[in-house]
Amino acid sequence: MMNSGQTLSFDPIGPDELEMITKAFQDELQRRALSRKSEEAEALAAKLINAYQAGIRDNLGLSIVAGLS
């Protein structure tokens, strides 16, 4: 039997959520003048996805996370 914690661990990112994460990512890349192919960009993308999976589900929250790296 699965508890609710296990159920929440599989939470696919849908198109709307992906768009929100992508916007936070692109805004931060532009702010820092970073290349999309840089190591910093890869770290930022991973950080945003992790933040989303940890429960930060809004533009402002993701923007704050992006700015903290």
N, C-alpha and C. Protein backbone atom coordinates (compact mmCIF):
# COMPACT_ATOMS: atom_id res chain seq x y z
N MET A 1 0.84 -1.19 0.00
CA MET A 1 0.00 0.00 0.00
C MET A 1 0.88 1.25 0.00
N MET A 2 0.51 2.20 -0.81
CA MET A 2 1.31 3.43 -0.91
C MET A 2 0.72 4.52 -0.04
N ASN A 3 1.60 5.25 0.65
CA ASN A 3 1.09 6.41 1.39
C ASN A 3 1.14 7.63 0.49
N SER A 4 0.56 8.72 0.93
CA SER A 4 0.48 9.91 0.06
C SER A 4 1.86 10.46 -0.29
N GLY A 5 2.85 10.30 0.58
CA GLY A 5 4.20 10.76 0.29
C GLY A 5 4.79 10.07 -0.92
N GLN A 6 4.55 8.77 -1.02
CA GLN A 6 5.05 8.02 -2.16
C GLN A 6 4.31 8.41 -3.43
N THR A 7 3.04 8.67 -3.34
CA THR A 7 2.26 9.06 -4.50
C THR A 7 2.77 10.38 -5.07
N LEU A 8 3.11 11.32 -4.18
CA LEU A 8 3.57 12.63 -4.62
C LEU A 8 4.97 12.59 -5.24
N SER A 9 5.73 11.54 -4.99
CA SER A 9 7.10 11.49 -5.51
C SER A 9 7.09 11.38 -7.04
N PHE A 10 6.03 10.85 -7.63
CA PHE A 10 5.93 10.83 -9.08
C PHE A 10 4.99 11.95 -9.49
N ASP A 11 5.56 13.06 -9.86
CA ASP A 11 4.77 14.24 -10.20
C ASP A 11 5.31 14.80 -11.50
N PRO A 12 4.81 14.31 -12.63
CA PRO A 12 5.37 14.75 -13.91
C PRO A 12 5.15 16.25 -14.13
N ILE A 13 6.06 16.85 -14.84
CA ILE A 13 5.96 18.27 -15.18
C ILE A 13 5.19 18.37 -16.49
N GLY A 14 4.06 19.05 -16.46
CA GLY A 14 3.23 19.21 -17.65
C GLY A 14 3.68 20.40 -18.48
N PRO A 15 3.05 20.62 -19.62
CA PRO A 15 3.45 21.71 -20.53
C PRO A 15 3.39 23.10 -19.89
N ASP A 16 2.35 23.36 -19.10
CA ASP A 16 2.24 24.68 -18.46
C ASP A 16 3.33 24.89 -17.43
N GLU A 17 3.60 23.84 -16.67
CA GLU A 17 4.65 23.93 -15.66
C GLU A 17 6.01 24.08 -16.32
N LEU A 18 6.24 23.35 -17.39
CA LEU A 18 7.50 23.44 -18.12
C LEU A 18 7.71 24.85 -18.66
N GLU A 19 6.63 25.45 -19.15
CA GLU A 19 6.71 26.81 -19.67
C GLU A 19 7.10 27.79 -18.55
N MET A 20 6.53 27.60 -17.36
CA MET A 20 6.84 28.47 -16.23
C MET A 20 8.31 28.32 -15.81
N ILE A 21 8.79 27.08 -15.75
CA ILE A 21 10.19 26.84 -15.39
C ILE A 21 11.10 27.43 -16.46
N THR A 22 10.75 27.24 -17.73
CA THR A 22 11.55 27.76 -18.84
C THR A 22 11.64 29.28 -18.79
N LYS A 23 10.53 29.94 -18.47
CA LYS A 23 10.55 31.40 -18.40
C LYS A 23 11.49 31.88 -17.30
N ALA A 24 11.41 31.27 -16.13
CA ALA A 24 12.30 31.65 -15.02
C ALA A 24 13.76 31.42 -15.43
N PHE A 25 14.02 30.31 -16.12
CA PHE A 25 15.36 29.97 -16.59
C PHE A 25 15.87 31.01 -17.59
N GLN A 26 15.05 31.31 -18.59
CA GLN A 26 15.48 32.26 -19.63
C GLN A 26 15.65 33.67 -19.08
N ASP A 27 14.75 34.08 -18.19
CA ASP A 27 14.87 35.41 -17.58
C ASP A 27 16.19 35.54 -16.82
N GLU A 28 16.54 34.49 -16.08
CA GLU A 28 17.76 34.54 -15.27
C GLU A 28 19.00 34.47 -16.17
N LEU A 29 18.96 33.68 -17.23
CA LEU A 29 20.08 33.64 -18.18
C LEU A 29 20.33 35.03 -18.76
N GLN A 30 19.24 35.69 -19.14
CA GLN A 30 19.36 37.03 -19.72
C GLN A 30 19.91 38.02 -18.69
N ARG A 31 19.40 37.93 -17.46
CA ARG A 31 19.85 38.85 -16.41
C ARG A 31 21.35 38.70 -16.15
N ARG A 32 21.82 37.47 -16.19
CA ARG A 32 23.24 37.22 -15.94
C ARG A 32 24.10 37.22 -17.19
N ALA A 33 23.49 37.37 -18.35
CA ALA A 33 24.19 37.30 -19.64
C ALA A 33 24.96 35.98 -19.76
N LEU A 34 24.26 34.89 -19.46
CA LEU A 34 24.87 33.56 -19.54
C LEU A 34 24.47 32.87 -20.83
N SER A 35 25.37 32.05 -21.34
CA SER A 35 25.05 31.20 -22.48
C SER A 35 24.21 30.03 -22.00
N ARG A 36 23.25 29.63 -22.83
CA ARG A 36 22.41 28.48 -22.51
C ARG A 36 23.23 27.20 -22.37
N LYS A 37 24.39 27.17 -23.00
CA LYS A 37 25.21 25.96 -23.00
C LYS A 37 26.30 25.99 -21.93
N SER A 38 26.26 26.95 -21.03
CA SER A 38 27.29 27.05 -19.99
C SER A 38 26.99 26.10 -18.83
N GLU A 39 28.03 25.83 -18.04
CA GLU A 39 27.84 25.01 -16.85
C GLU A 39 26.89 25.69 -15.87
N GLU A 40 26.98 27.01 -15.79
CA GLU A 40 26.09 27.76 -14.89
C GLU A 40 24.64 27.58 -15.31
N ALA A 41 24.38 27.58 -16.62
CA ALA A 41 23.02 27.39 -17.12
C ALA A 41 22.51 25.99 -16.77
N GLU A 42 23.37 24.99 -16.91
CA GLU A 42 22.97 23.63 -16.56
C GLU A 42 22.63 23.53 -15.07
N ALA A 43 23.46 24.15 -14.24
CA ALA A 43 23.21 24.14 -12.79
C ALA A 43 21.91 24.86 -12.47
N LEU A 44 21.66 25.97 -13.14
CA LEU A 44 20.44 26.74 -12.92
C LEU A 44 19.21 25.92 -13.31
N ALA A 45 19.27 25.26 -14.45
CA ALA A 45 18.14 24.43 -14.90
C ALA A 45 17.84 23.34 -13.88
N ALA A 46 18.88 22.67 -13.40
CA ALA A 46 18.69 21.61 -12.41
C ALA A 46 18.10 22.17 -11.12
N LYS A 47 18.59 23.34 -10.72
CA LYS A 47 18.09 23.97 -9.50
C LYS A 47 16.60 24.31 -9.62
N LEU A 48 16.19 24.83 -10.76
CA LEU A 48 14.79 25.18 -10.97
C LEU A 48 13.89 23.94 -10.98
N ILE A 49 14.34 22.88 -11.63
CA ILE A 49 13.54 21.65 -11.66
C ILE A 49 13.44 21.07 -10.26
N ASN A 50 14.54 21.06 -9.52
CA ASN A 50 14.51 20.56 -8.14
C ASN A 50 13.57 21.40 -7.27
N ALA A 51 13.62 22.72 -7.45
CA ALA A 51 12.75 23.61 -6.67
C ALA A 51 11.29 23.32 -7.00
N TYR A 52 10.98 23.13 -8.27
CA TYR A 52 9.61 22.81 -8.67
C TYR A 52 9.16 21.50 -8.02
N GLN A 53 10.03 20.50 -8.09
CA GLN A 53 9.67 19.19 -7.52
C GLN A 53 9.56 19.26 -6.00
N ALA A 54 10.24 20.22 -5.39
CA ALA A 54 10.16 20.39 -3.94
C ALA A 54 8.92 21.18 -3.53
N GLY A 55 8.17 21.70 -4.50
CA GLY A 55 6.90 22.33 -4.18
C GLY A 55 6.81 23.81 -4.51
N ILE A 56 7.84 24.40 -5.10
CA ILE A 56 7.77 25.81 -5.49
C ILE A 56 7.11 25.85 -6.85
N ARG A 57 5.85 26.25 -6.87
CA ARG A 57 5.02 26.11 -8.07
C ARG A 57 4.52 27.43 -8.63
N ASP A 58 5.22 28.52 -8.39
CA ASP A 58 4.75 29.80 -8.92
C ASP A 58 5.91 30.58 -9.52
N ASN A 59 5.58 31.52 -10.40
CA ASN A 59 6.60 32.30 -11.10
C ASN A 59 7.52 33.04 -10.14
N LEU A 60 6.94 33.68 -9.13
CA LEU A 60 7.75 34.46 -8.20
C LEU A 60 8.72 33.55 -7.44
N GLY A 61 8.23 32.44 -6.94
CA GLY A 61 9.08 31.52 -6.20
C GLY A 61 10.23 31.00 -7.05
N LEU A 62 9.93 30.63 -8.29
CA LEU A 62 10.98 30.12 -9.18
C LEU A 62 11.97 31.23 -9.53
N SER A 63 11.48 32.44 -9.71
CA SER A 63 12.38 33.56 -9.99
C SER A 63 13.32 33.82 -8.83
N ILE A 64 12.79 33.72 -7.62
CA ILE A 64 13.63 33.92 -6.43
C ILE A 64 14.70 32.84 -6.35
N VAL A 65 14.30 31.59 -6.56
CA VAL A 65 15.27 30.48 -6.56
C VAL A 65 16.35 30.72 -7.61
N ALA A 66 15.93 31.13 -8.81
CA ALA A 66 16.88 31.36 -9.91
C ALA A 66 17.89 32.44 -9.52
N GLY A 67 17.43 33.47 -8.85
CA GLY A 67 18.30 34.58 -8.48
C GLY A 67 19.23 34.28 -7.34
N LEU A 68 18.98 33.18 -6.62
CA LEU A 68 19.80 32.83 -5.46
C LEU A 68 21.05 32.04 -5.81
N SER A 69 21.14 31.56 -7.05
CA SER A 69 22.31 30.73 -7.37
C SER A 69 23.55 31.56 -7.53
